Full PDB file with SEQRES, HELIX, SHEET, SSBOND, CRYST1, ORIGX, SCALE, CONECT and MASTER records, all heavy atoms in Angstrom:
SEQRES   1 A   43  PHE GLY VAL ARG SER VAL ARG LEU ALA ASP ALA TRP GLY          
SEQRES   2 A   43  THR ARG GLU LEU GLN LEU CYS THR LYS PRO VAL PRO PRO          
SEQRES   3 A   43  SER PRO ALA ALA ARG LEU PHE PHE GLU HIS LEU SER SER          
SEQRES   4 A   43  GLN SER MET ALA                                              
HELIX    1 AA1 ALA A   11  GLY A   13  5                                   3    
HELIX    2 AA2 PRO A   28  SER A   38  1                                  11    
CRYST1    1.000    1.000    1.000  90.00  90.00  90.00 P 1           1          
ORIGX1      1.000000  0.000000  0.000000        0.00000                         
ORIGX2      0.000000  1.000000  0.000000        0.00000                         
ORIGX3      0.000000  0.000000  1.000000        0.00000                         
SCALE1      1.000000  0.000000  0.000000        0.00000                         
SCALE2      0.000000  1.000000  0.000000        0.00000                         
SCALE3      0.000000  0.000000  1.000000        0.00000                         
ATOM      1  N   PHE A   1       7.324 -51.913 -10.339  1.00  0.00           N  
ATOM      2  CA  PHE A   1       6.998 -51.787 -11.757  1.00  0.00           C  
ATOM      3  C   PHE A   1       7.414 -53.020 -12.544  1.00  0.00           C  
ATOM      4  O   PHE A   1       7.028 -53.088 -13.722  1.00  0.00           O  
ATOM      5  CB  PHE A   1       7.733 -50.581 -12.382  1.00  0.00           C  
ATOM      6  CG  PHE A   1       7.012 -49.252 -12.139  1.00  0.00           C  
ATOM      7  CD1 PHE A   1       7.143 -48.603 -10.881  1.00  0.00           C  
ATOM      8  CD2 PHE A   1       6.204 -48.654 -13.076  1.00  0.00           C  
ATOM      9  CE1 PHE A   1       6.541 -47.361 -10.643  1.00  0.00           C  
ATOM     10  CE2 PHE A   1       5.574 -47.481 -12.872  1.00  0.00           C  
ATOM     11  CZ  PHE A   1       5.695 -46.774 -11.663  1.00  0.00           C  
ATOM     12  N   GLY A   2       8.149 -53.945 -11.952  1.00  0.00           N  
ATOM     13  CA  GLY A   2       8.560 -55.123 -12.655  1.00  0.00           C  
ATOM     14  C   GLY A   2       9.546 -54.778 -13.795  1.00  0.00           C  
ATOM     15  O   GLY A   2       9.469 -55.301 -14.895  1.00  0.00           O  
ATOM     16  N   VAL A   3      10.520 -53.929 -13.483  1.00  0.00           N  
ATOM     17  CA  VAL A   3      11.543 -53.502 -14.471  1.00  0.00           C  
ATOM     18  C   VAL A   3      12.890 -53.698 -13.817  1.00  0.00           C  
ATOM     19  O   VAL A   3      13.058 -53.943 -12.631  1.00  0.00           O  
ATOM     20  CB  VAL A   3      11.333 -52.044 -14.884  1.00  0.00           C  
ATOM     21  CG1 VAL A   3      10.072 -51.829 -15.654  1.00  0.00           C  
ATOM     22  CG2 VAL A   3      11.379 -51.093 -13.684  1.00  0.00           C  
ATOM     23  N   ARG A   4      13.932 -53.616 -14.639  1.00  0.00           N  
ATOM     24  CA  ARG A   4      15.284 -53.733 -14.196  1.00  0.00           C  
ATOM     25  C   ARG A   4      16.094 -52.481 -14.560  1.00  0.00           C  
ATOM     26  O   ARG A   4      15.830 -51.743 -15.529  1.00  0.00           O  
ATOM     27  CB  ARG A   4      15.995 -54.913 -14.879  1.00  0.00           C  
ATOM     28  CG  ARG A   4      15.435 -56.280 -14.488  1.00  0.00           C  
ATOM     29  CD  ARG A   4      15.777 -56.661 -13.010  1.00  0.00           C  
ATOM     30  NE  ARG A   4      15.320 -57.927 -12.682  1.00  0.00           N  
ATOM     31  CZ  ARG A   4      16.087 -59.037 -12.870  1.00  0.00           C  
ATOM     32  NH1 ARG A   4      17.304 -59.010 -13.385  1.00  0.00           N  
ATOM     33  NH2 ARG A   4      15.570 -60.238 -12.485  1.00  0.00           N  
ATOM     34  N   SER A   5      17.151 -52.194 -13.738  1.00  0.00           N  
ATOM     35  CA  SER A   5      18.075 -51.029 -13.943  1.00  0.00           C  
ATOM     36  C   SER A   5      19.408 -51.598 -14.323  1.00  0.00           C  
ATOM     37  O   SER A   5      20.002 -52.419 -13.529  1.00  0.00           O  
ATOM     38  CB  SER A   5      18.154 -50.161 -12.693  1.00  0.00           C  
ATOM     39  OG  SER A   5      19.087 -49.119 -12.882  1.00  0.00           O  
ATOM     40  N   VAL A   6      19.926 -51.175 -15.495  1.00  0.00           N  
ATOM     41  CA  VAL A   6      21.227 -51.628 -15.941  1.00  0.00           C  
ATOM     42  C   VAL A   6      22.103 -50.366 -16.086  1.00  0.00           C  
ATOM     43  O   VAL A   6      21.790 -49.562 -17.034  1.00  0.00           O  
ATOM     44  CB  VAL A   6      21.199 -52.419 -17.291  1.00  0.00           C  
ATOM     45  CG1 VAL A   6      22.534 -52.921 -17.711  1.00  0.00           C  
ATOM     46  CG2 VAL A   6      20.200 -53.590 -17.144  1.00  0.00           C  
ATOM     47  N   ARG A   7      23.122 -50.212 -15.350  1.00  0.00           N  
ATOM     48  CA  ARG A   7      23.931 -48.958 -15.381  1.00  0.00           C  
ATOM     49  C   ARG A   7      24.661 -48.818 -16.694  1.00  0.00           C  
ATOM     50  O   ARG A   7      25.141 -49.801 -17.291  1.00  0.00           O  
ATOM     51  CB  ARG A   7      24.947 -48.935 -14.235  1.00  0.00           C  
ATOM     52  CG  ARG A   7      25.690 -47.651 -14.104  1.00  0.00           C  
ATOM     53  CD  ARG A   7      26.615 -47.630 -12.909  1.00  0.00           C  
ATOM     54  NE  ARG A   7      25.822 -47.578 -11.670  1.00  0.00           N  
ATOM     55  CZ  ARG A   7      26.446 -47.402 -10.463  1.00  0.00           C  
ATOM     56  NH1 ARG A   7      27.730 -47.334 -10.338  1.00  0.00           N  
ATOM     57  NH2 ARG A   7      25.650 -47.324  -9.391  1.00  0.00           N  
ATOM     58  N   LEU A   8      24.706 -47.578 -17.252  1.00  0.00           N  
ATOM     59  CA  LEU A   8      25.512 -47.353 -18.416  1.00  0.00           C  
ATOM     60  C   LEU A   8      26.976 -47.391 -18.119  1.00  0.00           C  
ATOM     61  O   LEU A   8      27.453 -46.875 -17.175  1.00  0.00           O  
ATOM     62  CB  LEU A   8      25.212 -45.923 -18.947  1.00  0.00           C  
ATOM     63  CG  LEU A   8      23.932 -45.763 -19.802  1.00  0.00           C  
ATOM     64  CD1 LEU A   8      23.741 -44.300 -20.200  1.00  0.00           C  
ATOM     65  CD2 LEU A   8      23.980 -46.623 -21.061  1.00  0.00           C  
ATOM     66  N   ALA A   9      27.694 -48.101 -19.056  1.00  0.00           N  
ATOM     67  CA  ALA A   9      29.159 -48.265 -18.798  1.00  0.00           C  
ATOM     68  C   ALA A   9      29.969 -47.086 -19.349  1.00  0.00           C  
ATOM     69  O   ALA A   9      31.147 -46.978 -18.987  1.00  0.00           O  
ATOM     70  CB  ALA A   9      29.645 -49.547 -19.411  1.00  0.00           C  
ATOM     71  N   ASP A  10      29.383 -46.220 -20.163  1.00  0.00           N  
ATOM     72  CA  ASP A  10      30.114 -45.156 -20.726  1.00  0.00           C  
ATOM     73  C   ASP A  10      30.535 -44.181 -19.644  1.00  0.00           C  
ATOM     74  O   ASP A  10      29.799 -43.997 -18.648  1.00  0.00           O  
ATOM     75  CB  ASP A  10      29.219 -44.399 -21.739  1.00  0.00           C  
ATOM     76  CG  ASP A  10      28.678 -45.270 -22.788  1.00  0.00           C  
ATOM     77  OD1 ASP A  10      27.705 -46.019 -22.502  1.00  0.00           O  
ATOM     78  OD2 ASP A  10      29.205 -45.252 -23.885  1.00  0.00           O  
ATOM     79  N   ALA A  11      31.743 -43.556 -19.774  1.00  0.00           N  
ATOM     80  CA  ALA A  11      32.245 -42.641 -18.763  1.00  0.00           C  
ATOM     81  C   ALA A  11      31.295 -41.496 -18.547  1.00  0.00           C  
ATOM     82  O   ALA A  11      31.131 -40.955 -17.383  1.00  0.00           O  
ATOM     83  CB  ALA A  11      33.606 -42.112 -19.178  1.00  0.00           C  
ATOM     84  N   TRP A  12      30.622 -41.023 -19.547  1.00  0.00           N  
ATOM     85  CA  TRP A  12      29.690 -39.906 -19.408  1.00  0.00           C  
ATOM     86  C   TRP A  12      28.402 -40.341 -18.725  1.00  0.00           C  
ATOM     87  O   TRP A  12      27.537 -39.462 -18.350  1.00  0.00           O  
ATOM     88  CB  TRP A  12      29.373 -39.235 -20.718  1.00  0.00           C  
ATOM     89  CG  TRP A  12      28.917 -40.127 -21.827  1.00  0.00           C  
ATOM     90  CD1 TRP A  12      29.667 -40.615 -22.884  1.00  0.00           C  
ATOM     91  CD2 TRP A  12      27.594 -40.679 -22.028  1.00  0.00           C  
ATOM     92  NE1 TRP A  12      28.921 -41.466 -23.693  1.00  0.00           N  
ATOM     93  CE2 TRP A  12      27.596 -41.485 -23.177  1.00  0.00           C  
ATOM     94  CE3 TRP A  12      26.406 -40.525 -21.364  1.00  0.00           C  
ATOM     95  CZ2 TRP A  12      26.499 -42.103 -23.674  1.00  0.00           C  
ATOM     96  CZ3 TRP A  12      25.271 -41.220 -21.818  1.00  0.00           C  
ATOM     97  CH2 TRP A  12      25.295 -41.971 -22.949  1.00  0.00           C  
ATOM     98  N   GLY A  13      28.269 -41.590 -18.452  1.00  0.00           N  
ATOM     99  CA  GLY A  13      27.056 -42.078 -17.774  1.00  0.00           C  
ATOM    100  C   GLY A  13      27.002 -41.638 -16.279  1.00  0.00           C  
ATOM    101  O   GLY A  13      25.956 -41.722 -15.658  1.00  0.00           O  
ATOM    102  N   THR A  14      28.151 -41.295 -15.744  1.00  0.00           N  
ATOM    103  CA  THR A  14      28.224 -40.685 -14.394  1.00  0.00           C  
ATOM    104  C   THR A  14      28.100 -39.159 -14.575  1.00  0.00           C  
ATOM    105  O   THR A  14      29.004 -38.549 -15.131  1.00  0.00           O  
ATOM    106  CB  THR A  14      29.481 -41.042 -13.663  1.00  0.00           C  
ATOM    107  OG1 THR A  14      29.476 -42.435 -13.472  1.00  0.00           O  
ATOM    108  CG2 THR A  14      29.520 -40.384 -12.274  1.00  0.00           C  
ATOM    109  N   ARG A  15      27.048 -38.541 -14.037  1.00  0.00           N  
ATOM    110  CA  ARG A  15      26.777 -37.123 -14.254  1.00  0.00           C  
ATOM    111  C   ARG A  15      27.159 -36.388 -12.896  1.00  0.00           C  
ATOM    112  O   ARG A  15      26.950 -36.920 -11.792  1.00  0.00           O  
ATOM    113  CB  ARG A  15      25.330 -36.813 -14.545  1.00  0.00           C  
ATOM    114  CG  ARG A  15      24.779 -37.539 -15.719  1.00  0.00           C  
ATOM    115  CD  ARG A  15      23.414 -37.117 -16.059  1.00  0.00           C  
ATOM    116  NE  ARG A  15      22.461 -37.150 -14.888  1.00  0.00           N  
ATOM    117  CZ  ARG A  15      21.324 -36.613 -14.848  1.00  0.00           C  
ATOM    118  NH1 ARG A  15      20.875 -35.831 -15.887  1.00  0.00           N  
ATOM    119  NH2 ARG A  15      20.536 -36.687 -13.753  1.00  0.00           N  
ATOM    120  N   GLU A  16      27.699 -35.299 -13.031  1.00  0.00           N  
ATOM    121  CA  GLU A  16      27.984 -34.423 -11.864  1.00  0.00           C  
ATOM    122  C   GLU A  16      26.861 -33.439 -11.565  1.00  0.00           C  
ATOM    123  O   GLU A  16      26.320 -32.791 -12.498  1.00  0.00           O  
ATOM    124  CB  GLU A  16      29.338 -33.644 -12.078  1.00  0.00           C  
ATOM    125  CG  GLU A  16      30.532 -34.481 -12.301  1.00  0.00           C  
ATOM    126  CD  GLU A  16      30.781 -35.451 -11.201  1.00  0.00           C  
ATOM    127  OE1 GLU A  16      30.461 -35.163 -10.056  1.00  0.00           O  
ATOM    128  OE2 GLU A  16      31.262 -36.614 -11.510  1.00  0.00           O  
ATOM    129  N   LEU A  17      26.444 -33.381 -10.327  1.00  0.00           N  
ATOM    130  CA  LEU A  17      25.475 -32.408  -9.903  1.00  0.00           C  
ATOM    131  C   LEU A  17      26.208 -31.282  -9.233  1.00  0.00           C  
ATOM    132  O   LEU A  17      27.199 -31.462  -8.498  1.00  0.00           O  
ATOM    133  CB  LEU A  17      24.486 -33.026  -8.901  1.00  0.00           C  
ATOM    134  CG  LEU A  17      23.614 -34.163  -9.458  1.00  0.00           C  
ATOM    135  CD1 LEU A  17      22.686 -34.677  -8.397  1.00  0.00           C  
ATOM    136  CD2 LEU A  17      22.792 -33.752 -10.661  1.00  0.00           C  
ATOM    137  N   GLN A  18      25.752 -30.083  -9.529  1.00  0.00           N  
ATOM    138  CA  GLN A  18      26.413 -28.884  -9.014  1.00  0.00           C  
ATOM    139  C   GLN A  18      25.464 -28.050  -8.227  1.00  0.00           C  
ATOM    140  O   GLN A  18      24.256 -27.903  -8.508  1.00  0.00           O  
ATOM    141  CB  GLN A  18      26.969 -28.005 -10.112  1.00  0.00           C  
ATOM    142  CG  GLN A  18      28.051 -28.659 -10.956  1.00  0.00           C  
ATOM    143  CD  GLN A  18      29.467 -28.412 -10.451  1.00  0.00           C  
ATOM    144  OE1 GLN A  18      29.820 -27.252 -10.149  1.00  0.00           O  
ATOM    145  NE2 GLN A  18      30.307 -29.453 -10.425  1.00  0.00           N  
ATOM    146  N   LEU A  19      25.985 -27.387  -7.160  1.00  0.00           N  
ATOM    147  CA  LEU A  19      25.213 -26.344  -6.446  1.00  0.00           C  
ATOM    148  C   LEU A  19      25.513 -25.064  -7.211  1.00  0.00           C  
ATOM    149  O   LEU A  19      26.615 -24.851  -7.654  1.00  0.00           O  
ATOM    150  CB  LEU A  19      25.734 -26.181  -5.019  1.00  0.00           C  
ATOM    151  CG  LEU A  19      25.323 -27.237  -3.946  1.00  0.00           C  
ATOM    152  CD1 LEU A  19      26.185 -27.025  -2.762  1.00  0.00           C  
ATOM    153  CD2 LEU A  19      23.827 -27.071  -3.684  1.00  0.00           C  
ATOM    154  N   CYS A  20      24.503 -24.189  -7.270  1.00  0.00           N  
ATOM    155  CA  CYS A  20      24.767 -22.899  -7.853  1.00  0.00           C  
ATOM    156  C   CYS A  20      24.032 -21.768  -7.075  1.00  0.00           C  
ATOM    157  O   CYS A  20      22.936 -22.009  -6.476  1.00  0.00           O  
ATOM    158  CB  CYS A  20      24.486 -22.843  -9.323  1.00  0.00           C  
ATOM    159  SG  CYS A  20      22.696 -22.979  -9.726  1.00  0.00           S  
ATOM    160  N   THR A  21      24.612 -20.640  -7.112  1.00  0.00           N  
ATOM    161  CA  THR A  21      23.942 -19.427  -6.538  1.00  0.00           C  
ATOM    162  C   THR A  21      24.538 -18.244  -7.202  1.00  0.00           C  
ATOM    163  O   THR A  21      25.456 -18.368  -8.056  1.00  0.00           O  
ATOM    164  CB  THR A  21      24.204 -19.367  -5.046  1.00  0.00           C  
ATOM    165  OG1 THR A  21      23.458 -18.287  -4.453  1.00  0.00           O  
ATOM    166  CG2 THR A  21      25.691 -19.153  -4.688  1.00  0.00           C  
ATOM    167  N   LYS A  22      24.068 -17.073  -6.933  1.00  0.00           N  
ATOM    168  CA  LYS A  22      24.692 -15.838  -7.395  1.00  0.00           C  
ATOM    169  C   LYS A  22      26.053 -15.743  -6.664  1.00  0.00           C  
ATOM    170  O   LYS A  22      26.287 -16.317  -5.620  1.00  0.00           O  
ATOM    171  CB  LYS A  22      23.827 -14.635  -7.192  1.00  0.00           C  
ATOM    172  CG  LYS A  22      22.626 -14.585  -8.159  1.00  0.00           C  
ATOM    173  CD  LYS A  22      21.956 -13.265  -8.096  1.00  0.00           C  
ATOM    174  CE  LYS A  22      20.908 -13.125  -9.204  1.00  0.00           C  
ATOM    175  NZ  LYS A  22      20.272 -11.806  -9.258  1.00  0.00           N  
ATOM    176  N   PRO A  23      26.981 -14.878  -7.196  1.00  0.00           N  
ATOM    177  CA  PRO A  23      28.274 -14.745  -6.547  1.00  0.00           C  
ATOM    178  C   PRO A  23      28.166 -14.466  -5.034  1.00  0.00           C  
ATOM    179  O   PRO A  23      28.990 -14.914  -4.306  1.00  0.00           O  
ATOM    180  CB  PRO A  23      28.899 -13.579  -7.279  1.00  0.00           C  
ATOM    181  CG  PRO A  23      28.341 -13.646  -8.696  1.00  0.00           C  
ATOM    182  CD  PRO A  23      26.886 -14.169  -8.473  1.00  0.00           C  
ATOM    183  N   VAL A  24      27.111 -13.720  -4.616  1.00  0.00           N  
ATOM    184  CA  VAL A  24      26.857 -13.531  -3.215  1.00  0.00           C  
ATOM    185  C   VAL A  24      25.437 -13.969  -2.977  1.00  0.00           C  
ATOM    186  O   VAL A  24      24.508 -13.317  -3.451  1.00  0.00           O  
ATOM    187  CB  VAL A  24      27.053 -12.020  -2.814  1.00  0.00           C  
ATOM    188  CG1 VAL A  24      26.737 -11.901  -1.318  1.00  0.00           C  
ATOM    189  CG2 VAL A  24      28.473 -11.574  -3.034  1.00  0.00           C  
ATOM    190  N   PRO A  25      25.232 -15.017  -2.213  1.00  0.00           N  
ATOM    191  CA  PRO A  25      23.886 -15.459  -1.915  1.00  0.00           C  
ATOM    192  C   PRO A  25      23.080 -14.378  -1.260  1.00  0.00           C  
ATOM    193  O   PRO A  25      23.657 -13.495  -0.553  1.00  0.00           O  
ATOM    194  CB  PRO A  25      24.059 -16.620  -0.924  1.00  0.00           C  
ATOM    195  CG  PRO A  25      25.399 -17.181  -1.257  1.00  0.00           C  
ATOM    196  CD  PRO A  25      26.214 -15.984  -1.630  1.00  0.00           C  
ATOM    197  N   PRO A  26      21.799 -14.201  -1.601  1.00  0.00           N  
ATOM    198  CA  PRO A  26      21.078 -12.993  -1.320  1.00  0.00           C  
ATOM    199  C   PRO A  26      20.699 -12.757   0.175  1.00  0.00           C  
ATOM    200  O   PRO A  26      20.175 -11.708   0.462  1.00  0.00           O  
ATOM    201  CB  PRO A  26      19.725 -13.161  -2.141  1.00  0.00           C  
ATOM    202  CG  PRO A  26      19.607 -14.674  -2.295  1.00  0.00           C  
ATOM    203  CD  PRO A  26      20.999 -15.175  -2.382  1.00  0.00           C  
ATOM    204  N   SER A  27      20.859 -13.691   1.031  1.00  0.00           N  
ATOM    205  CA  SER A  27      20.552 -13.466   2.473  1.00  0.00           C  
ATOM    206  C   SER A  27      21.400 -14.344   3.332  1.00  0.00           C  
ATOM    207  O   SER A  27      21.982 -15.282   2.896  1.00  0.00           O  
ATOM    208  CB  SER A  27      19.070 -13.834   2.704  1.00  0.00           C  
ATOM    209  OG  SER A  27      18.873 -15.229   2.600  1.00  0.00           O  
ATOM    210  N   PRO A  28      21.551 -13.901   4.630  1.00  0.00           N  
ATOM    211  CA  PRO A  28      22.366 -14.758   5.583  1.00  0.00           C  
ATOM    212  C   PRO A  28      21.799 -16.193   5.584  1.00  0.00           C  
ATOM    213  O   PRO A  28      22.626 -17.175   5.644  1.00  0.00           O  
ATOM    214  CB  PRO A  28      22.149 -14.068   6.890  1.00  0.00           C  
ATOM    215  CG  PRO A  28      21.953 -12.602   6.469  1.00  0.00           C  
ATOM    216  CD  PRO A  28      21.131 -12.660   5.255  1.00  0.00           C  
ATOM    217  N   ALA A  29      20.491 -16.368   5.583  1.00  0.00           N  
ATOM    218  CA  ALA A  29      19.946 -17.760   5.643  1.00  0.00           C  
ATOM    219  C   ALA A  29      20.363 -18.537   4.430  1.00  0.00           C  
ATOM    220  O   ALA A  29      20.710 -19.718   4.488  1.00  0.00           O  
ATOM    221  CB  ALA A  29      18.434 -17.685   5.706  1.00  0.00           C  
ATOM    222  N   ALA A  30      20.315 -17.875   3.192  1.00  0.00           N  
ATOM    223  CA  ALA A  30      20.720 -18.600   1.996  1.00  0.00           C  
ATOM    224  C   ALA A  30      22.248 -18.863   1.969  1.00  0.00           C  
ATOM    225  O   ALA A  30      22.662 -19.914   1.556  1.00  0.00           O  
ATOM    226  CB  ALA A  30      20.360 -17.719   0.768  1.00  0.00           C  
ATOM    227  N   ARG A  31      23.032 -17.953   2.528  1.00  0.00           N  
ATOM    228  CA  ARG A  31      24.427 -18.184   2.629  1.00  0.00           C  
ATOM    229  C   ARG A  31      24.747 -19.385   3.525  1.00  0.00           C  
ATOM    230  O   ARG A  31      25.615 -20.232   3.221  1.00  0.00           O  
ATOM    231  CB  ARG A  31      25.215 -16.920   3.080  1.00  0.00           C  
ATOM    232  CG  ARG A  31      25.153 -15.799   2.104  1.00  0.00           C  
ATOM    233  CD  ARG A  31      26.255 -14.732   2.488  1.00  0.00           C  
ATOM    234  NE  ARG A  31      25.981 -14.018   3.708  1.00  0.00           N  
ATOM    235  CZ  ARG A  31      25.272 -12.928   3.839  1.00  0.00           C  
ATOM    236  NH1 ARG A  31      24.697 -12.437   2.752  1.00  0.00           N  
ATOM    237  NH2 ARG A  31      25.110 -12.319   4.996  1.00  0.00           N  
ATOM    238  N   LEU A  32      24.095 -19.462   4.664  1.00  0.00           N  
ATOM    239  CA  LEU A  32      24.311 -20.568   5.572  1.00  0.00           C  
ATOM    240  C   LEU A  32      23.846 -21.862   4.988  1.00  0.00           C  
ATOM    241  O   LEU A  32      24.529 -22.860   5.191  1.00  0.00           O  
ATOM    242  CB  LEU A  32      23.500 -20.349   6.886  1.00  0.00           C  
ATOM    243  CG  LEU A  32      24.086 -19.263   7.859  1.00  0.00           C  
ATOM    244  CD1 LEU A  32      23.116 -18.961   8.987  1.00  0.00           C  
ATOM    245  CD2 LEU A  32      25.449 -19.777   8.458  1.00  0.00           C  
ATOM    246  N   PHE A  33      22.771 -21.840   4.235  1.00  0.00           N  
ATOM    247  CA  PHE A  33      22.234 -23.051   3.623  1.00  0.00           C  
ATOM    248  C   PHE A  33      23.188 -23.525   2.545  1.00  0.00           C  
ATOM    249  O   PHE A  33      23.455 -24.714   2.384  1.00  0.00           O  
ATOM    250  CB  PHE A  33      20.821 -22.847   3.114  1.00  0.00           C  
ATOM    251  CG  PHE A  33      20.220 -24.099   2.648  1.00  0.00           C  
ATOM    252  CD1 PHE A  33      20.240 -25.297   3.420  1.00  0.00           C  
ATOM    253  CD2 PHE A  33      19.484 -24.144   1.455  1.00  0.00           C  
ATOM    254  CE1 PHE A  33      19.620 -26.420   2.929  1.00  0.00           C  
ATOM    255  CE2 PHE A  33      18.826 -25.315   1.026  1.00  0.00           C  
ATOM    256  CZ  PHE A  33      18.915 -26.451   1.757  1.00  0.00           C  
ATOM    257  N   PHE A  34      23.660 -22.596   1.735  1.00  0.00           N  
ATOM    258  CA  PHE A  34      24.664 -22.919   0.687  1.00  0.00           C  
ATOM    259  C   PHE A  34      25.885 -23.541   1.207  1.00  0.00           C  
ATOM    260  O   PHE A  34      26.404 -24.577   0.775  1.00  0.00           O  
ATOM    261  CB  PHE A  34      24.997 -21.666  -0.131  1.00  0.00           C  
ATOM    262  CG  PHE A  34      25.865 -21.922  -1.337  1.00  0.00           C  
ATOM    263  CD1 PHE A  34      25.319 -22.449  -2.525  1.00  0.00           C  
ATOM    264  CD2 PHE A  34      27.220 -21.807  -1.299  1.00  0.00           C  
ATOM    265  CE1 PHE A  34      26.173 -22.723  -3.642  1.00  0.00           C  
ATOM    266  CE2 PHE A  34      28.049 -22.081  -2.381  1.00  0.00           C  
ATOM    267  CZ  PHE A  34      27.502 -22.532  -3.525  1.00  0.00           C  
ATOM    268  N   GLU A  35      26.403 -22.962   2.370  1.00  0.00           N  
ATOM    269  CA  GLU A  35      27.595 -23.522   3.001  1.00  0.00           C  
ATOM    270  C   GLU A  35      27.312 -24.875   3.576  1.00  0.00           C  
ATOM    271  O   GLU A  35      28.148 -25.768   3.526  1.00  0.00           O  
ATOM    272  CB  GLU A  35      28.046 -22.558   4.075  1.00  0.00           C  
ATOM    273  CG  GLU A  35      28.630 -21.236   3.586  1.00  0.00           C  
ATOM    274  CD  GLU A  35      28.819 -20.197   4.737  1.00  0.00           C  
ATOM    275  OE1 GLU A  35      28.452 -20.542   5.900  1.00  0.00           O  
ATOM    276  OE2 GLU A  35      29.166 -19.077   4.400  1.00  0.00           O  
ATOM    277  N   HIS A  36      26.145 -25.086   4.088  1.00  0.00           N  
ATOM    278  CA  HIS A  36      25.749 -26.386   4.649  1.00  0.00           C  
ATOM    279  C   HIS A  36      25.698 -27.462   3.515  1.00  0.00           C  
ATOM    280  O   HIS A  36      26.318 -28.525   3.729  1.00  0.00           O  
ATOM    281  CB  HIS A  36      24.320 -26.303   5.275  1.00  0.00           C  
ATOM    282  CG  HIS A  36      23.721 -27.567   5.641  1.00  0.00           C  
ATOM    283  ND1 HIS A  36      24.146 -28.267   6.862  1.00  0.00           N  
ATOM    284  CD2 HIS A  36      22.780 -28.364   5.079  1.00  0.00           C  
ATOM    285  CE1 HIS A  36      23.447 -29.375   6.925  1.00  0.00           C  
ATOM    286  NE2 HIS A  36      22.624 -29.437   5.853  1.00  0.00           N  
ATOM    287  N   LEU A  37      25.136 -27.157   2.411  1.00  0.00           N  
ATOM    288  CA  LEU A  37      25.118 -28.111   1.320  1.00  0.00           C  
ATOM    289  C   LEU A  37      26.484 -28.324   0.727  1.00  0.00           C  
ATOM    290  O   LEU A  37      26.825 -29.496   0.364  1.00  0.00           O  
ATOM    291  CB  LEU A  37      24.137 -27.662   0.248  1.00  0.00           C  
ATOM    292  CG  LEU A  37      22.624 -27.619   0.567  1.00  0.00           C  
ATOM    293  CD1 LEU A  37      21.817 -27.014  -0.553  1.00  0.00           C  
ATOM    294  CD2 LEU A  37      22.143 -28.977   0.952  1.00  0.00           C  
ATOM    295  N   SER A  38      27.238 -27.281   0.467  1.00  0.00           N  
ATOM    296  CA  SER A  38      28.575 -27.412  -0.142  1.00  0.00           C  
ATOM    297  C   SER A  38      29.526 -28.156   0.679  1.00  0.00           C  
ATOM    298  O   SER A  38      30.567 -28.672   0.266  1.00  0.00           O  
ATOM    299  CB  SER A  38      29.095 -26.056  -0.552  1.00  0.00           C  
ATOM    300  OG  SER A  38      29.307 -25.213   0.596  1.00  0.00           O  
ATOM    301  N   SER A  39      29.284 -28.216   2.022  1.00  0.00           N  
ATOM    302  CA  SER A  39      30.186 -28.949   2.916  1.00  0.00           C  
ATOM    303  C   SER A  39      30.007 -30.425   2.840  1.00  0.00           C  
ATOM    304  O   SER A  39      30.835 -31.187   3.320  1.00  0.00           O  
ATOM    305  CB  SER A  39      29.981 -28.467   4.374  1.00  0.00           C  
ATOM    306  OG  SER A  39      28.679 -28.883   4.855  1.00  0.00           O  
ATOM    307  N   GLN A  40      28.885 -30.869   2.253  1.00  0.00           N  
ATOM    308  CA  GLN A  40      28.677 -32.267   2.073  1.00  0.00           C  
ATOM    309  C   GLN A  40      29.597 -32.843   1.024  1.00  0.00           C  
ATOM    310  O   GLN A  40      29.758 -32.255  -0.122  1.00  0.00           O  
ATOM    311  CB  GLN A  40      27.182 -32.580   1.752  1.00  0.00           C  
ATOM    312  CG  GLN A  40      26.162 -31.911   2.604  1.00  0.00           C  
ATOM    313  CD  GLN A  40      26.326 -32.321   4.063  1.00  0.00           C  
ATOM    314  OE1 GLN A  40      26.431 -33.497   4.342  1.00  0.00           O  
ATOM    315  NE2 GLN A  40      26.370 -31.338   4.944  1.00  0.00           N  
ATOM    316  N   SER A  41      30.232 -33.960   1.304  1.00  0.00           N  
ATOM    317  CA  SER A  41      31.134 -34.544   0.330  1.00  0.00           C  
ATOM    318  C   SER A  41      30.449 -35.078  -0.907  1.00  0.00           C  
ATOM    319  O   SER A  41      29.372 -35.582  -0.817  1.00  0.00           O  
ATOM    320  CB  SER A  41      31.959 -35.673   0.976  1.00  0.00           C  
ATOM    321  OG  SER A  41      31.075 -36.664   1.422  1.00  0.00           O  
ATOM    322  N   MET A  42      31.117 -34.938  -2.063  1.00  0.00           N  
ATOM    323  CA  MET A  42      30.572 -35.510  -3.238  1.00  0.00           C  
ATOM    324  C   MET A  42      30.534 -37.038  -3.153  1.00  0.00           C  
ATOM    325  O   MET A  42      31.485 -37.641  -2.608  1.00  0.00           O  
ATOM    326  CB  MET A  42      31.397 -35.097  -4.519  1.00  0.00           C  
ATOM    327  CG  MET A  42      31.249 -33.678  -4.902  1.00  0.00           C  
ATOM    328  SD  MET A  42      32.084 -33.329  -6.444  1.00  0.00           S  
ATOM    329  CE  MET A  42      31.140 -34.382  -7.525  1.00  0.00           C  
ATOM    330  N   ALA A  43      29.533 -37.675  -3.629  1.00  0.00           N  
ATOM    331  CA  ALA A  43      29.433 -39.085  -3.590  1.00  0.00           C  
ATOM    332  C   ALA A  43      28.463 -39.610  -4.691  1.00  0.00           C  
ATOM    333  O   ALA A  43      27.511 -38.922  -5.030  1.00  0.00           O  
ATOM    334  CB  ALA A  43      28.911 -39.565  -2.184  1.00  0.00           C  
TER     335      ALA A  43                                                      
MASTER        0    0    0    2    0    0    0    6  334    1    0    4          
END                                                                             
């Protein structure tokens, strides 16, 4: 695109992404998938 990216220096410029589900995921497959994703380290 012929553009540049300049990172925001403000502390709030780093956003946290969260996984969410109901208190009990609705199926064994969903529970396994949620555990799989949540086991990945934040980065």
